[in-house]
């Protein structure tokens, strides 16, 4: 089944408007987007119930949105984030980064793929399902629009404290996956290691203790403590040493070195065990202090779940795992997880780049695939 032309034009219009809101993060202000969606998309006269939830970060108000339609006891959650990374030097773009120019079937602009195209896709699905009375009698559709996903996820943290996951039987996260079906994401553990030494004149290094040289001794161990565990979907855990800083001048023995570590961990790699290993790094003559900057759990959905199998069959897409974290890490309770998929239009190789774009027809494909998979699973018919 194809999408009617009027809905296609509505989805394109919504996407253009969303991209034209410059919700660069920082500061990640999303008020205009939320006001637009409430007034023009999720209208109360059409049966939507809207709740604006404010997050505060560095004194700035960031707007999140919960929009609900339907009266069933069971809830299907559809989530996407409103903020985008900075566009950078606009002169480097072929078209202004927030112009939402359409050319050769592609819409260009910062955030078009990551992930305002995903939000437009979810809106299209909601629009179609909201016209099926029997669906709304049995289920509620809840759109969760978040702020700050790119710089700390304060939006999804705030929404998780609003009991938004109550009665949810499924969560769809519309990150750009090129229509592949993500059923897992690695956990995130960001760590700051602080190594101390003793300052001295550079001409007399024996009088001091070189903190940078101590850091070099530690580096191999930081990789070694990962071990060789493997997950069938997510592969192996990884480490990126993202930043090293230390020292004040070429002729001074550095008394301090700092390593910023980005661990991406599979479910088999327990975070508490990793923290313990970091705390007990074997160094006979000095200690290492560490600070946890961010800690998000790994997530893994049951790829045998009937909805995921239906989506796979309908879309003819691959099952994949993601190396990065999404808002799902804050929304899903790892002690009592629900089925989820990370599925959306947009090529992940194209995001966070100059001249970011999304193929419009892929948005329509995503709408059809998800709508049919939901109906096939939850109403047992196409």
Foldseek 3Di string as FASTA:
>chain_A
DFDDPVLLVVLLVLLLVLLLPQQAPVVRACVVVQVCCDVPQLDVVLAKDKDWDWDADPNDTHIKMKIKHADALAEEEEEAESYFHDQPDQVVFPDRQSRQDDDPQKTWHTCSQRPSLLVSLVSSLCVVQSVPNVSRHHYMYIYIYFTDFPPDLRGLLRVLVVVPCPNYQEYEYAHAPQQAKEFKEFKKWKKKKKFFKAKDFLVCCVVIGARVVVVVVCVVVLQVVQPQDADPFAGGKDKDFDDKDWDDDPGMRTGMIMTIMIIGHAQVDDPVVSVVCQQCPDDPPGGMDMDTPDTFHIGGADCPPQLNVQLCVLLVHHYHHYHDDGSVSSNADPVDGHGYIHGHFADPVQHPDHRRITRSVRSSSSSVSNSQSCCCPPVVHD
